[in-house]
C-alpha cells in the first residue's frame, strides 16, 4: 500500500468585480512538498462567467491563469517567482490578493496520489 502524504491546496477564484466579492471557482493549486509536487489546473466556464460579468476579457483571464500554471511548473520564462522552491511558489500563488484572480484559504489533507487528488478536487470544486 502506498503511503499517504500531507498535501495542501487552494481553489483559484475568478472575481470579475472585486467590490462585489462574488467569485467563480476556476481552478485548483495543489502542493505535496514531500513529493515535490506543485501543479495548477484550471478551466473557465464561459456560460457561468457571463452570469457574473458580460464584459470580462477572456483572453486576459486566460493569460493570468496560464501565468499561474507556468509559475507552479517552475517555467524559467515565468520570472523570478518561478525560480523559488515548490513551497515558496505555492505560498506566493496562494497569497491573499484583491485582484480579479484570487486563491481561497489553504486547506490540508492526506493522499497517496497528488495528481489524482488534484483532479478530484478540480471536479468537485470547479466543474
C-alpha atoms as a PDB file:
ATOM      1  CA  UNK A   1       0.000   0.000   0.000  1.00  0.00           C
ATOM      2  CA  UNK A   2       1.318   3.408  -0.993  1.00  0.00           C
ATOM      3  CA  UNK A   3       1.964   5.775   1.904  1.00  0.00           C
ATOM      4  CA  UNK A   4      -0.231   8.844   2.195  1.00  0.00           C
ATOM      5  CA  UNK A   5       1.498  12.206   2.303  1.00  0.00           C
ATOM      6  CA  UNK A   6       0.436  15.629   3.509  1.00  0.00           C
ATOM      7  CA  UNK A   7      -0.810  17.946   0.775  1.00  0.00           C
ATOM      8  CA  UNK A   8      -2.128  21.499   0.720  1.00  0.00           C
ATOM      9  CA  UNK A   9      -4.484  23.016  -1.803  1.00  0.00           C
ATOM     10  CA  UNK A  10      -6.321  26.205  -2.611  1.00  0.00           C
ATOM     11  CA  UNK A  11      -9.123  26.930  -5.041  1.00  0.00           C
ATOM     12  CA  UNK A  12      -8.415  29.560  -7.709  1.00  0.00           C
ATOM     13  CA  UNK A  13     -11.245  32.064  -7.876  1.00  0.00           C
ATOM     14  CA  UNK A  14     -12.163  34.484 -10.611  1.00  0.00           C
ATOM     15  CA  UNK A  15     -13.566  37.667  -9.073  1.00  0.00           C
ATOM     16  CA  UNK A  16     -14.818  39.774 -12.001  1.00  0.00           C
ATOM     17  CA  UNK A  17     -15.975  42.657  -9.827  1.00  0.00           C
ATOM     18  CA  UNK A  18     -13.798  42.737  -6.732  1.00  0.00           C
ATOM     19  CA  UNK A  19     -16.045  45.260  -4.974  1.00  0.00           C
ATOM     20  CA  UNK A  20     -18.961  42.777  -5.064  1.00  0.00           C
ATOM     21  CA  UNK A  21     -16.848  39.900  -3.687  1.00  0.00           C
ATOM     22  CA  UNK A  22     -18.643  37.403  -5.915  1.00  0.00           C
ATOM     23  CA  UNK A  23     -16.470  34.699  -7.400  1.00  0.00           C
ATOM     24  CA  UNK A  24     -16.415  31.738  -9.725  1.00  0.00           C
ATOM     25  CA  UNK A  25     -14.146  28.771  -8.943  1.00  0.00           C
ATOM     26  CA  UNK A  26     -11.912  28.244 -11.970  1.00  0.00           C
ATOM     27  CA  UNK A  27      -9.020  26.083 -10.789  1.00  0.00           C
ATOM     28  CA  UNK A  28      -7.085  24.315  -8.058  1.00  0.00           C
ATOM     29  CA  UNK A  29      -3.471  24.590  -6.875  1.00  0.00           C
ATOM     30  CA  UNK A  30      -2.056  21.561  -5.038  1.00  0.00           C
ATOM     31  CA  UNK A  31       1.276  21.172  -3.250  1.00  0.00           C
ATOM     32  CA  UNK A  32       2.658  17.906  -1.883  1.00  0.00           C
ATOM     33  CA  UNK A  33       6.012  19.091  -0.556  1.00  0.00           C
ATOM     34  CA  UNK A  34       7.352  15.630   0.290  1.00  0.00           C
ATOM     35  CA  UNK A  35       6.813  14.516  -3.328  1.00  0.00           C
ATOM     36  CA  UNK A  36       7.999  17.861  -4.757  1.00  0.00           C
ATOM     37  CA  UNK A  37       4.618  18.142  -6.492  1.00  0.00           C
ATOM     38  CA  UNK A  38       3.113  21.527  -7.323  1.00  0.00           C
ATOM     39  CA  UNK A  39       0.543  21.759 -10.062  1.00  0.00           C
ATOM     40  CA  UNK A  40      -2.301  24.018 -11.185  1.00  0.00           C
ATOM     41  CA  UNK A  41      -5.284  23.020 -13.295  1.00  0.00           C
ATOM     42  CA  UNK A  42      -7.955  25.448 -14.393  1.00  0.00           C
ATOM     43  CA  UNK A  43     -10.880  25.964 -16.743  1.00  0.00           C
ATOM     44  CA  UNK A  44     -13.117  28.993 -17.221  1.00  0.00           C
ATOM     45  CA  UNK A  45     -16.749  28.119 -17.885  1.00  0.00           C
ATOM     46  CA  UNK A  46     -17.848  30.957 -20.178  1.00  0.00           C
ATOM     47  CA  UNK A  47     -21.552  30.360 -19.536  1.00  0.00           C
ATOM     48  CA  UNK A  48     -21.114  30.661 -15.757  1.00  0.00           C
ATOM     49  CA  UNK A  49     -18.805  33.641 -16.184  1.00  0.00           C
ATOM     50  CA  UNK A  50     -21.346  35.508 -18.309  1.00  0.00           C
ATOM     51  CA  UNK A  51     -23.794  35.341 -15.377  1.00  0.00           C
ATOM     52  CA  UNK A  52     -21.260  37.341 -13.348  1.00  0.00           C
ATOM     53  CA  UNK A  53     -19.762  39.671 -15.906  1.00  0.00           C
ATOM     54  CA  UNK A  54     -20.576  40.165 -19.566  1.00  0.00           C
ATOM     55  CA  UNK A  55     -17.596  42.483 -20.150  1.00  0.00           C
ATOM     56  CA  UNK A  56     -14.806  40.203 -18.905  1.00  0.00           C
ATOM     57  CA  UNK A  57     -11.801  39.891 -21.187  1.00  0.00           C
ATOM     58  CA  UNK A  58     -11.401  36.121 -21.547  1.00  0.00           C
ATOM     59  CA  UNK A  59      -8.043  36.493 -23.297  1.00  0.00           C
ATOM     60  CA  UNK A  60      -6.646  38.455 -20.350  1.00  0.00           C
ATOM     61  CA  UNK A  61      -8.115  36.000 -17.818  1.00  0.00           C
ATOM     62  CA  UNK A  62      -6.626  33.052 -19.732  1.00  0.00           C
ATOM     63  CA  UNK A  63      -3.220  34.770 -19.768  1.00  0.00           C
ATOM     64  CA  UNK A  64      -3.303  35.307 -15.987  1.00  0.00           C
ATOM     65  CA  UNK A  65      -4.302  31.695 -15.326  1.00  0.00           C
ATOM     66  CA  UNK A  66      -1.635  30.401 -17.705  1.00  0.00           C
ATOM     67  CA  UNK A  67       0.936  32.503 -15.818  1.00  0.00           C
ATOM     68  CA  UNK A  68      -0.094  30.820 -12.548  1.00  0.00           C
ATOM     69  CA  UNK A  69       0.361  27.393 -14.137  1.00  0.00           C
ATOM     70  CA  UNK A  70       3.774  28.397 -15.524  1.00  0.00           C
ATOM     71  CA  UNK A  71       4.910  29.639 -12.111  1.00  0.00           C
ATOM     72  CA  UNK A  72       3.741  26.393 -10.482  1.00  0.00           C
ATOM     73  CA  UNK A  73       5.661  24.413 -13.109  1.00  0.00           C
ATOM     74  CA  UNK A  74       8.853  26.466 -12.454  1.00  0.00           C
ATOM     75  CA  UNK A  75       8.925  27.579 -16.092  1.00  0.00           C
ATOM     76  CA  UNK A  76      12.112  29.676 -16.468  1.00  0.00           C
ATOM     77  CA  UNK A  77      10.225  32.180 -18.650  1.00  0.00           C
ATOM     78  CA  UNK A  78       7.740  32.879 -15.817  1.00  0.00           C
ATOM     79  CA  UNK A  79      10.049  35.251 -13.956  1.00  0.00           C
ATOM     80  CA  UNK A  80      11.863  35.186 -10.624  1.00  0.00           C
ATOM     81  CA  UNK A  81       8.947  33.774  -8.592  1.00  0.00           C
ATOM     82  CA  UNK A  82       9.080  30.633 -10.752  1.00  0.00           C
ATOM     83  CA  UNK A  83      12.649  30.061  -9.549  1.00  0.00           C
ATOM     84  CA  UNK A  84      11.621  29.605  -5.901  1.00  0.00           C
ATOM     85  CA  UNK A  85      11.273  26.103  -4.454  1.00  0.00           C
ATOM     86  CA  UNK A  86       7.845  24.458  -4.718  1.00  0.00           C
ATOM     87  CA  UNK A  87       6.717  25.565  -1.250  1.00  0.00           C
ATOM     88  CA  UNK A  88       7.779  29.160  -1.939  1.00  0.00           C
ATOM     89  CA  UNK A  89       5.916  29.201  -5.265  1.00  0.00           C
ATOM     90  CA  UNK A  90       2.825  27.739  -3.592  1.00  0.00           C
ATOM     91  CA  UNK A  91       2.884  30.402  -0.848  1.00  0.00           C
ATOM     92  CA  UNK A  92       3.235  33.128  -3.477  1.00  0.00           C
ATOM     93  CA  UNK A  93       0.431  31.672  -5.619  1.00  0.00           C
ATOM     94  CA  UNK A  94      -1.924  31.427  -2.629  1.00  0.00           C
ATOM     95  CA  UNK A  95      -1.076  34.788  -1.029  1.00  0.00           C
ATOM     96  CA  UNK A  96      -4.087  36.978  -0.326  1.00  0.00           C
ATOM     97  CA  UNK A  97      -4.830  39.479  -3.097  1.00  0.00           C
ATOM     98  CA  UNK A  98      -7.567  41.901  -4.068  1.00  0.00           C
ATOM     99  CA  UNK A  99      -7.354  41.285  -7.810  1.00  0.00           C
ATOM    100  CA  UNK A 100      -9.514  39.531 -10.384  1.00  0.00           C
ATOM    101  CA  UNK A 101      -7.668  36.214  -9.777  1.00  0.00           C
ATOM    102  CA  UNK A 102      -7.580  35.123  -6.117  1.00  0.00           C
ATOM    103  CA  UNK A 103      -6.936  31.959  -4.115  1.00  0.00           C
ATOM    104  CA  UNK A 104      -9.079  30.546  -1.333  1.00  0.00           C
ATOM    105  CA  UNK A 105      -7.636  29.810   2.067  1.00  0.00           C
ATOM    106  CA  UNK A 106      -5.193  26.905   2.037  1.00  0.00           C
ATOM    107  CA  UNK A 107      -6.596  23.549   3.134  1.00  0.00           C
ATOM    108  CA  UNK A 108      -4.586  20.443   4.158  1.00  0.00           C
ATOM    109  CA  UNK A 109      -5.183  16.761   3.591  1.00  0.00           C
ATOM    110  CA  UNK A 110      -3.524  13.379   3.100  1.00  0.00           C
ATOM    111  CA  UNK A 111      -3.228  11.484  -0.185  1.00  0.00           C
ATOM    112  CA  UNK A 112      -1.230   8.750  -1.868  1.00  0.00           C
ATOM    113  CA  UNK A 113      -1.617  10.225  -5.377  1.00  0.00           C
ATOM    114  CA  UNK A 114      -1.250  14.023  -5.601  1.00  0.00           C
ATOM    115  CA  UNK A 115      -2.295  14.235  -9.275  1.00  0.00           C
ATOM    116  CA  UNK A 116      -5.343  12.061  -8.633  1.00  0.00           C
ATOM    117  CA  UNK A 117      -6.279  14.225  -5.664  1.00  0.00           C
ATOM    118  CA  UNK A 118      -5.817  17.405  -7.707  1.00  0.00           C
ATOM    119  CA  UNK A 119      -8.089  16.050 -10.432  1.00  0.00           C
ATOM    120  CA  UNK A 120     -10.693  15.001  -7.848  1.00  0.00           C
ATOM    121  CA  UNK A 121     -10.664  18.417  -6.153  1.00  0.00           C
ATOM    122  CA  UNK A 122     -10.930  20.085  -9.561  1.00  0.00           C
ATOM    123  CA  UNK A 123     -14.001  18.008 -10.450  1.00  0.00           C
ATOM    124  CA  UNK A 124     -15.625  18.709  -7.060  1.00  0.00           C
ATOM    125  CA  UNK A 125     -14.745  22.390  -6.711  1.00  0.00           C
ATOM    126  CA  UNK A 126     -14.701  23.703 -10.263  1.00  0.00           C
ATOM    127  CA  UNK A 127     -16.574  21.545 -12.774  1.00  0.00           C
END
